[in-house]
Protein backbone atom coordinates (compact mmCIF):
# COMPACT_ATOMS: atom_id res chain seq x y z
CA MET A 1 13.78 19.12 -23.07
CA ARG A 2 12.50 17.60 -26.29
CA GLY A 3 13.12 13.89 -26.25
CA ARG A 4 14.03 14.10 -22.58
CA VAL A 5 10.49 14.10 -21.21
CA ASP A 6 7.97 11.32 -21.55
CA TRP A 7 4.99 13.48 -22.47
CA ILE A 8 2.65 10.49 -22.45
CA LEU A 9 3.44 9.97 -18.76
CA VAL A 10 2.94 13.70 -18.10
CA ALA A 11 -0.39 13.62 -19.96
CA ALA A 12 -1.58 10.57 -18.01
CA ALA A 13 -0.70 12.14 -14.65
CA THR A 14 -2.31 15.45 -15.68
CA GLY A 15 -5.47 13.70 -16.82
CA LEU A 16 -5.78 11.85 -13.52
CA VAL A 17 -5.36 15.09 -11.56
CA VAL A 18 -8.09 16.69 -13.69
CA PHE A 19 -10.46 13.76 -13.13
CA GLY A 20 -9.68 13.81 -9.43
CA THR A 21 -10.19 17.57 -9.13
CA LEU A 22 -13.61 17.40 -10.80
CA GLY A 23 -14.59 14.51 -8.55
CA ILE A 24 -13.38 16.28 -5.40
CA LEU A 25 -15.09 19.58 -6.28
CA SER A 26 -18.35 17.71 -6.75
CA ALA A 27 -18.12 15.19 -3.90
CA ALA A 28 -17.05 17.72 -1.28
CA SER A 29 -19.52 20.46 -2.30
CA PRO A 30 -22.16 19.53 0.33
CA LEU A 31 -19.60 19.54 3.15
CA PRO A 32 -19.48 22.53 5.53
CA ASN A 33 -15.70 22.91 5.11
CA TYR A 34 -15.92 22.86 1.31
CA GLY A 35 -13.95 26.10 0.89
CA SER A 36 -11.07 24.79 2.99
CA ILE A 37 -10.99 21.50 1.06
CA VAL A 38 -10.85 23.32 -2.28
CA GLN A 39 -8.10 25.68 -1.11
CA LYS A 40 -5.98 22.85 0.28
CA HIS A 41 -6.46 20.75 -2.85
CA PHE A 42 -5.33 23.46 -5.24
CA ALA A 43 -2.45 24.36 -2.92
CA ALA A 44 -1.43 20.68 -2.99
CA ILE A 45 -1.56 20.71 -6.81
CA GLY A 46 0.77 23.71 -6.89
CA LEU A 47 3.14 22.15 -4.37
CA GLY A 48 2.94 18.84 -6.22
CA ILE A 49 4.02 20.51 -9.46
CA LEU A 50 7.08 21.85 -7.63
CA PHE A 51 7.87 18.36 -6.32
CA PHE A 52 7.41 16.96 -9.83
CA LEU A 53 9.87 19.52 -11.25
CA PHE A 54 12.29 18.73 -8.42
CA GLY A 55 12.09 15.02 -9.20
CA LEU A 56 12.51 15.71 -12.90
CA GLY A 57 15.44 18.10 -12.58
CA PHE A 58 17.38 16.49 -9.71
CA ASN A 59 19.75 13.72 -10.80
CA TYR A 60 18.19 10.54 -9.38
CA GLN A 61 21.60 8.90 -8.91
CA ILE A 62 22.27 11.25 -5.99
CA TYR A 63 19.63 9.31 -4.06
CA GLN A 64 21.78 6.22 -4.43
CA ASP A 65 24.89 8.04 -3.22
CA GLN A 66 23.01 9.36 -0.18
CA SER A 67 20.97 6.22 0.58
CA LYS A 68 22.30 5.87 4.14
CA THR A 69 21.38 9.47 4.93
CA LEU A 70 17.93 8.97 3.40
CA TYR A 71 17.34 5.85 5.48
CA VAL A 72 18.37 7.49 8.75
CA PHE A 73 16.15 10.46 7.91
CA THR A 74 13.24 8.10 7.19
CA ILE A 75 13.55 6.35 10.55
CA LEU A 76 13.87 9.65 12.42
CA LEU A 77 10.88 11.02 10.51
CA MET A 78 8.67 8.09 11.49
CA LEU A 79 9.87 8.24 15.11
CA GLY A 80 9.14 11.96 15.08
CA VAL A 81 5.54 11.54 14.02
CA LEU A 82 4.97 9.05 16.86
CA VAL A 83 6.28 11.62 19.37
CA PHE A 84 5.18 14.96 17.91
CA GLY A 85 2.38 13.93 15.53
CA SER A 86 -1.20 15.09 16.03
CA LEU A 87 -3.91 12.55 16.84
CA GLN A 88 -6.61 12.35 14.17
CA ARG A 89 -9.21 9.60 13.86
CA GLY A 90 -7.35 7.49 16.37
CA GLN A 91 -4.07 7.66 14.43
CA ARG A 92 -0.92 9.61 15.23
CA ALA A 93 0.02 9.77 11.57
CA TRP A 94 0.14 13.50 10.79
CA ILE A 95 2.48 16.35 11.64
CA LYS A 96 0.45 19.52 11.93
CA PHE A 97 1.78 22.85 10.68
CA PRO A 98 0.06 26.27 10.93
CA PHE A 99 -1.73 26.02 7.57
CA PHE A 100 -1.62 22.33 6.67
CA SER A 101 -0.99 18.79 7.91
CA PHE A 102 1.58 16.40 6.44
CA GLN A 103 1.49 12.60 6.52
CA PRO A 104 5.13 11.45 6.77
CA SER A 105 4.36 7.84 5.78
CA GLU A 106 3.79 9.02 2.19
CA LEU A 107 7.33 10.40 2.01
CA ALA A 108 8.73 7.44 3.96
CA ARG A 109 7.40 5.05 1.31
CA ILE A 110 9.26 6.88 -1.48
CA LEU A 111 12.48 7.16 0.52
CA THR A 112 12.41 3.50 1.58
CA LEU A 113 11.90 2.51 -2.04
CA LEU A 114 14.98 4.52 -3.06
CA VAL A 115 17.06 2.94 -0.29
CA LEU A 116 15.86 -0.57 -1.14
CA ALA A 117 16.75 -0.05 -4.81
CA ASN A 118 20.29 0.88 -3.81
CA PHE A 119 20.64 -2.22 -1.60
CA LEU A 120 19.43 -4.56 -4.36
CA ASP A 121 21.68 -2.87 -6.91
CA ARG A 122 24.74 -3.24 -4.67
CA ARG A 123 23.89 -6.92 -4.09
CA SER A 124 23.22 -7.72 -7.74
CA LYS A 125 25.84 -10.51 -7.81
CA LYS A 126 24.40 -12.08 -4.65
CA ILE A 127 20.74 -11.48 -5.39
CA GLN A 128 19.83 -15.17 -5.04
CA ASP A 129 21.42 -15.49 -1.61
CA VAL A 130 19.06 -15.83 1.32
CA ALA A 131 20.99 -13.07 3.06
CA THR A 132 20.02 -10.62 0.31
CA VAL A 133 16.31 -11.34 0.67
CA LEU A 134 16.56 -11.10 4.46
CA GLY A 135 18.54 -7.88 4.13
CA ALA A 136 15.88 -6.36 1.89
CA PHE A 137 13.21 -7.28 4.40
CA ALA A 138 15.34 -5.89 7.24
CA ILE A 139 15.43 -2.51 5.45
CA VAL A 140 11.67 -2.32 5.01
CA ALA A 141 10.57 -3.93 8.31
CA PRO A 142 11.51 -1.07 10.73
CA VAL A 143 9.61 1.47 8.64
CA MET A 144 6.60 -0.85 8.45
CA VAL A 145 6.63 -1.40 12.22
CA LEU A 146 6.79 2.34 12.94
CA ILE A 147 3.90 3.02 10.57
CA LEU A 148 1.95 0.17 12.14
CA LYS A 149 2.48 1.77 15.56
CA GLU A 150 0.60 4.91 14.44
CA PRO A 151 -1.47 2.73 13.72
CA ASP A 152 -1.84 2.89 9.92
CA PHE A 153 -2.46 -0.62 8.65
CA SER A 154 -3.26 0.52 5.09
CA SER A 155 0.07 2.27 4.55
CA THR A 156 1.90 -0.71 6.06
CA LEU A 157 0.13 -3.03 3.63
CA SER A 158 1.43 -1.11 0.61
CA PHE A 159 5.06 -2.04 1.38
CA PHE A 160 4.55 -5.74 0.64
CA PRO A 161 3.95 -5.44 -3.15
CA ILE A 162 6.83 -2.98 -3.45
CA LEU A 163 9.21 -5.39 -1.70
CA ILE A 164 8.08 -8.50 -3.60
CA VAL A 165 8.08 -6.84 -7.03
CA MET A 166 11.48 -5.19 -6.57
CA LEU A 167 13.02 -8.47 -5.41
CA PHE A 168 11.49 -10.27 -8.39
CA CYS A 169 12.73 -7.65 -10.85
CA ALA A 170 16.18 -7.75 -9.24
CA GLY A 171 16.34 -11.49 -10.01
CA ALA A 172 15.74 -13.04 -6.60
CA ASN A 173 15.18 -16.77 -6.32
CA LEU A 174 11.51 -17.65 -6.89
CA ALA A 175 11.51 -20.10 -4.00
CA GLN A 176 12.68 -17.33 -1.69
CA LEU A 177 9.99 -15.01 -3.01
CA ALA A 178 7.42 -17.73 -2.43
CA ALA A 179 8.64 -18.04 1.15
CA MET A 180 8.34 -14.30 1.64
CA ALA A 181 4.87 -14.34 0.09
CA PHE A 182 3.95 -17.12 2.53
CA TYR A 183 5.22 -14.97 5.40
CA GLY A 184 3.13 -12.04 4.17
CA ALA A 185 0.08 -14.30 3.81
CA LEU A 186 0.47 -15.44 7.43
CA THR A 187 0.99 -11.87 8.65
CA LEU A 188 -2.14 -10.59 6.93
CA GLY A 189 -4.26 -13.73 6.74
CA LEU A 190 -4.14 -14.80 10.38
CA PRO A 191 -5.54 -11.49 11.71
CA LEU A 192 -8.43 -11.91 9.28
CA ALA A 193 -8.99 -15.42 10.63
CA TRP A 194 -8.81 -14.10 14.21
CA THR A 195 -11.39 -11.46 13.31
CA MET A 196 -13.82 -13.97 11.81
CA LEU A 197 -13.43 -16.30 14.77
CA SER A 198 -14.05 -13.49 17.25
CA MET A 199 -17.19 -12.53 15.33
CA ASN A 200 -18.47 -16.12 15.41
CA PRO A 201 -18.30 -17.47 18.99
CA ASP A 202 -20.11 -20.64 17.93
CA TRP A 203 -17.08 -21.68 15.88
CA THR A 204 -14.74 -21.47 18.87
CA GLY A 205 -17.13 -23.53 20.94
CA ALA A 206 -17.69 -26.18 18.30
CA VAL A 207 -14.07 -26.51 17.22
CA PRO A 208 -11.56 -26.53 20.13
CA ALA A 209 -8.68 -25.77 17.79
CA ALA A 210 -10.41 -22.55 16.72
CA GLY A 211 -10.67 -21.36 20.31
CA MET A 212 -7.01 -22.14 20.93
CA PHE A 213 -6.09 -20.33 17.71
CA LEU A 214 -8.04 -17.26 18.83
CA ARG A 215 -6.29 -17.11 22.22
CA LEU A 216 -2.82 -17.01 20.69
CA SER A 217 -2.94 -13.23 20.28
CA GLU A 218 -4.38 -12.52 23.71
CA THR A 219 -1.36 -13.32 25.88
CA GLN A 220 2.33 -13.95 25.34
CA TRP A 221 2.57 -17.48 26.74
CA PRO A 222 0.24 -19.24 24.24
CA LEU A 223 2.06 -17.45 21.42
CA ALA A 224 5.46 -18.52 22.77
CA ALA A 225 4.20 -22.09 23.11
CA ALA A 226 2.93 -22.05 19.53
CA VAL A 227 6.30 -20.80 18.25
CA ALA A 228 8.11 -23.50 20.21
CA GLY A 229 5.68 -26.07 18.81
CA ILE A 230 6.50 -24.98 15.27
CA PHE A 231 10.21 -25.66 15.79
CA VAL A 232 9.54 -28.98 17.48
CA ALA A 233 7.29 -30.02 14.58
CA ALA A 234 9.95 -28.95 12.07
CA TYR A 235 12.59 -31.03 13.86
CA ALA A 236 10.26 -34.02 14.06
CA GLY A 237 9.49 -33.71 10.36
CA TRP A 238 13.17 -33.61 9.50
CA ARG A 239 13.81 -36.76 11.57
CA LEU A 240 10.91 -38.56 9.88
CA PHE A 241 12.31 -37.71 6.47
CA LEU A 242 15.70 -39.09 7.50
CA MET A 243 14.10 -42.30 8.74
CA ALA A 244 12.29 -42.62 5.41
CA ARG A 245 15.65 -42.11 3.64
CA LEU A 246 14.40 -38.95 1.93
CA GLN A 247 17.33 -36.60 1.37
CA VAL A 248 15.93 -33.20 2.31
CA PRO A 249 18.46 -30.75 3.83
CA GLY A 250 17.77 -29.82 7.41
CA VAL A 251 18.09 -26.13 6.54
CA VAL A 252 14.83 -26.39 4.58
CA PHE A 253 12.93 -27.37 7.72
CA ALA A 254 14.74 -24.73 9.76
CA VAL A 255 13.91 -21.95 7.29
CA ALA A 256 10.29 -23.10 7.06
CA ALA A 257 10.05 -23.05 10.86
CA PHE A 258 11.51 -19.54 11.06
CA ILE A 259 9.09 -18.29 8.40
CA ALA A 260 6.07 -19.85 10.11
CA ALA A 261 7.13 -18.61 13.55
CA GLY A 262 7.93 -15.14 12.23
CA GLY A 263 4.61 -14.98 10.38
CA LEU A 264 2.72 -16.03 13.52
CA PHE A 265 4.54 -13.45 15.64
CA SER A 266 3.96 -10.67 13.07
CA ALA A 267 0.31 -11.68 12.73
CA ALA A 268 -0.15 -11.39 16.49
CA LEU A 269 1.44 -7.91 16.38
CA VAL A 270 -0.83 -6.81 13.54
CA ASN A 271 -3.86 -8.32 15.25
CA ARG A 272 -3.24 -6.29 18.40
CA GLN A 273 -2.97 -3.09 16.37
CA LEU A 274 -6.21 -3.59 14.43
CA LYS A 275 -9.00 -1.27 15.47
CA GLY A 276 -12.67 -2.15 15.67
CA TYR A 277 -13.58 -0.29 12.47
CA GLN A 278 -10.85 -2.17 10.59
CA ARG A 279 -12.25 -5.50 11.75
CA ASN A 280 -15.69 -4.38 10.68
CA ARG A 281 -14.35 -3.80 7.17
CA VAL A 282 -13.31 -7.44 6.98
CA VAL A 283 -16.74 -8.58 8.15
CA ALA A 284 -18.40 -6.24 5.64
CA PHE A 285 -16.38 -7.74 2.81
CA LEU A 286 -17.05 -11.37 3.71
CA THR A 287 -20.69 -10.95 4.79
CA PRO A 288 -21.94 -7.51 3.64
CA GLU A 289 -25.55 -8.49 4.16
CA ALA A 290 -24.94 -9.11 7.86
CA ASP A 291 -24.74 -5.37 8.66
CA PRO A 292 -26.01 -3.32 5.69
CA ARG A 293 -26.39 -0.15 7.79
CA GLY A 294 -23.06 -0.51 9.53
CA ALA A 295 -19.86 -2.13 8.32
CA GLY A 296 -21.22 -2.97 4.87
CA TYR A 297 -22.80 0.43 4.25
CA ASN A 298 -19.86 2.11 2.47
CA VAL A 299 -19.35 -0.68 -0.03
CA GLN A 300 -23.05 -1.02 -0.82
CA GLN A 301 -23.42 2.71 -1.40
CA ALA A 302 -20.32 2.73 -3.61
CA GLN A 303 -21.75 -0.11 -5.71
CA ILE A 304 -25.09 1.71 -5.99
CA ALA A 305 -23.30 4.88 -7.08
CA ILE A 306 -21.25 3.16 -9.77
CA GLY A 307 -24.19 1.11 -11.02
CA SER A 308 -26.53 4.10 -11.24
CA GLY A 309 -24.12 6.11 -13.38
CA GLY A 310 -24.89 4.18 -16.54
CA LEU A 311 -22.91 4.88 -19.68
CA TRP A 312 -22.72 8.68 -19.58
CA GLY A 313 -23.22 9.39 -15.88
CA LYS A 314 -25.59 11.78 -14.12
CA GLY A 315 -23.34 14.77 -14.63
CA VAL A 316 -20.80 16.48 -12.39
CA PHE A 317 -22.45 17.90 -9.25
CA SER A 318 -25.56 15.82 -10.03
CA GLY A 319 -24.80 12.46 -8.42
CA THR A 320 -27.43 11.62 -5.83
CA GLN A 321 -25.26 9.27 -3.74
CA ALA A 322 -22.55 11.91 -3.42
CA GLN A 323 -24.62 15.09 -3.28
CA LEU A 324 -27.16 13.76 -0.79
CA GLY A 325 -24.48 12.33 1.48
CA PHE A 326 -25.30 8.64 1.14
CA LEU A 327 -21.72 7.76 0.21
CA PRO A 328 -19.22 8.30 3.08
CA GLU A 329 -15.59 9.29 2.45
CA ARG A 330 -16.68 10.23 -1.05
CA HIS A 331 -13.90 12.71 -1.79
CA THR A 332 -11.12 10.48 -0.39
CA ASP A 333 -11.27 6.68 -0.40
CA PHE A 334 -14.42 6.36 -2.54
CA ILE A 335 -13.71 9.02 -5.16
CA PHE A 336 -13.81 6.38 -7.90
CA ALA A 337 -17.45 5.66 -7.01
CA VAL A 338 -18.26 9.38 -7.41
CA ILE A 339 -16.61 9.41 -10.84
CA GLY A 340 -18.53 6.28 -11.81
CA GLU A 341 -21.84 7.84 -10.80
CA GLU A 342 -21.36 11.33 -12.21
CA MET A 343 -19.22 10.57 -15.27
CA GLY A 344 -20.58 7.11 -15.96
CA PHE A 345 -18.92 4.06 -17.38
CA LEU A 346 -16.96 6.17 -19.85
CA GLY A 347 -15.55 8.39 -17.09
CA ALA A 348 -14.58 5.39 -14.96
CA LEU A 349 -13.05 3.73 -18.02
CA GLY A 350 -11.11 6.95 -18.71
CA VAL A 351 -9.62 6.90 -15.19
CA LEU A 352 -8.65 3.25 -15.56
CA ALA A 353 -7.10 3.88 -18.99
CA LEU A 354 -5.09 6.85 -17.70
CA TYR A 355 -3.90 4.90 -14.68
CA LEU A 356 -2.85 1.91 -16.75
CA THR A 357 -1.03 4.33 -19.08
CA LEU A 358 0.74 5.85 -16.07
CA VAL A 359 1.92 2.42 -14.87
CA TRP A 360 2.86 1.36 -18.42
CA ARG A 361 5.02 4.45 -18.99
CA ILE A 362 6.79 3.98 -15.65
CA VAL A 363 7.48 0.37 -16.65
CA ASN A 364 8.79 1.73 -19.95
CA SER A 365 11.11 4.07 -18.02
CA ALA A 366 12.36 1.03 -16.11
CA ARG A 367 13.01 -0.83 -19.35
CA MET A 368 14.99 2.11 -20.79
CA ALA A 369 16.89 3.07 -17.61
CA ARG A 370 20.61 3.50 -18.09
CA ASP A 371 21.49 1.67 -14.87
CA ARG A 372 20.14 -1.02 -12.61
CA TYR A 373 19.35 1.42 -9.83
CA GLY A 374 16.99 3.49 -11.99
CA TYR A 375 15.40 0.28 -13.28
CA LEU A 376 14.63 -0.92 -9.75
CA VAL A 377 13.27 2.46 -8.63
CA CYS A 378 10.79 2.47 -11.51
CA CYS A 379 9.80 -1.13 -10.75
CA GLY A 380 8.97 -0.16 -7.18
CA LEU A 381 6.96 2.89 -8.26
CA ALA A 382 4.99 0.87 -10.80
CA ALA A 383 4.28 -1.80 -8.17
CA PHE A 384 2.89 0.73 -5.70
CA TYR A 385 0.70 2.60 -8.19
CA GLY A 386 -0.60 -0.63 -9.68
CA PHE A 387 -1.36 -2.01 -6.21
CA SER A 388 -3.18 1.19 -5.20
CA LEU A 389 -5.32 1.02 -8.33
CA LEU A 390 -6.30 -2.61 -7.74
CA VAL A 391 -7.15 -2.11 -4.06
CA ASN A 392 -8.99 1.20 -4.37
CA VAL A 393 -11.10 0.24 -7.37
CA GLY A 394 -11.57 -3.26 -5.97
CA MET A 395 -12.99 -2.00 -2.68
CA CYS A 396 -15.38 0.35 -4.51
CA LEU A 397 -16.66 -2.65 -6.46
CA GLY A 398 -16.80 -4.88 -3.37
CA MET A 399 -14.07 -7.20 -4.67
CA VAL A 400 -11.56 -6.59 -1.84
CA PRO A 401 -12.01 -5.45 1.77
CA VAL A 402 -12.09 -1.71 2.40
CA ALA A 403 -8.45 -0.93 3.14
CA GLY A 404 -8.44 2.86 3.33
CA ILE A 405 -5.93 3.15 0.48
CA PRO A 406 -6.59 6.28 -1.63
CA LEU A 407 -6.28 6.41 -5.40
CA PRO A 408 -3.09 8.47 -5.95
CA LEU A 409 -3.53 11.63 -8.05
CA VAL A 410 -7.32 11.23 -7.88
CA SER A 411 -8.34 11.01 -4.19
CA TYR A 412 -8.26 14.08 -1.96
CA GLY A 413 -5.14 14.28 0.17
CA GLY A 414 -2.28 16.73 -0.10
CA SER A 415 0.45 14.40 1.14
CA SER A 416 -0.56 11.63 -1.25
CA LEU A 417 -0.83 14.00 -4.22
CA THR A 418 2.50 15.75 -3.70
CA MET A 419 4.45 12.56 -3.02
CA THR A 420 2.88 10.81 -6.01
CA LEU A 421 3.92 13.68 -8.27
CA LEU A 422 7.41 13.46 -6.76
CA GLY A 423 7.49 9.78 -7.71
CA VAL A 424 6.32 10.56 -11.24
CA GLY A 425 9.03 13.22 -11.47
CA ILE A 426 11.70 10.71 -10.40
CA ALA A 427 10.45 8.26 -13.06
CA GLU A 428 10.65 11.09 -15.62
CA ASN A 429 14.20 11.87 -14.52
CA ILE A 430 15.20 8.24 -15.02
CA TYR A 431 13.64 8.36 -18.48
CA ALA A 432 15.38 11.66 -19.29
CA ARG A 433 18.82 10.25 -18.38
CA ARG A 434 18.41 7.01 -20.25
CA TYR A 435 21.16 7.82 -22.76
CA ALA A 436 23.70 10.03 -21.01
CA LEU A 437 24.18 11.98 -17.85
CA LEU A 438 23.10 15.63 -18.08
């Protein structure tokens, strides 16, 4: 396999697993189910290696040939978890087997990415058509809605960067991407605004528009009226432009109205699915001092842990925030804070360097891919891993709201680890076949 394997990518992934394993062994040691966590983690590593070898050895172009089958399987899988999945922490997001639980959304993300890459490859000559962008969104949207119904807002959120980056790399029109970004901003931004308004009743009393804005998600009729108002305003704007002799096509106003109405409708759907603890995360990010023992506790403890690590760290199994239980979710979402405390600035820097190397080598595989399909698959993988790094590290540092997105290859979680190694294996396969089919 000499010359067929990107050993730098393998080394980066291996290094991240090693860092994550040390962090998990230390962070979970005070927990009563420590033995079970260790067993499941090492079993996931073994299974992940098998998935990596499968991704490496299985010709990635078969995924393109079987994209329809993969998409149908993805939809059925996500429907299955809603019907047969076990309820954990208020989410029906896991399928429970005798010895382990599996989170189908992790596999669904990889499969949807493969299907989306095929669609964009087939539409390469029409990539700047509006229909192509809408088609790409139509592929991703059903999977996102099913995941949101679990409800798993964090996993749903990760589809947006994948979609935007893959469209950009495929050569989509920048104006269309800007419109899609605006739609995503409405979908995610309006629920945050609703949350802040609901937490500040004085605002709704002082500003009538704020109270009206808050009530849009409560019943269907205000929402329907708001959507109708958007189209009326768009029509009125178009007529005003005509009266002013400004030649702006009417389709521009129509598309803008559809985007605004769709974003408002999606935002209302997301807002109804948000749980109380998710709203508290938003409040903790914007005003952490308002509830230091409640919503803002996790972030403050993570910052204390990272700051107390210094240059060299306190040593593995010696971090006070982790070992004494001050830092919640320390072996999952906040594993980076444990590494920062126990391995110091150098350990945290090592994780960041390895992760950036991982993303860089996947981008390199995209650049050297022998076909457009392989190129787009690698672009999607790089977008997801880069996004996960930014969000996970950002929430540990208090720079972004706590989103519940683990750090792939580092955080505890068998489904995340195995599916990430499958993705790395697929990227390796694309690199291996860059010159000729094997």
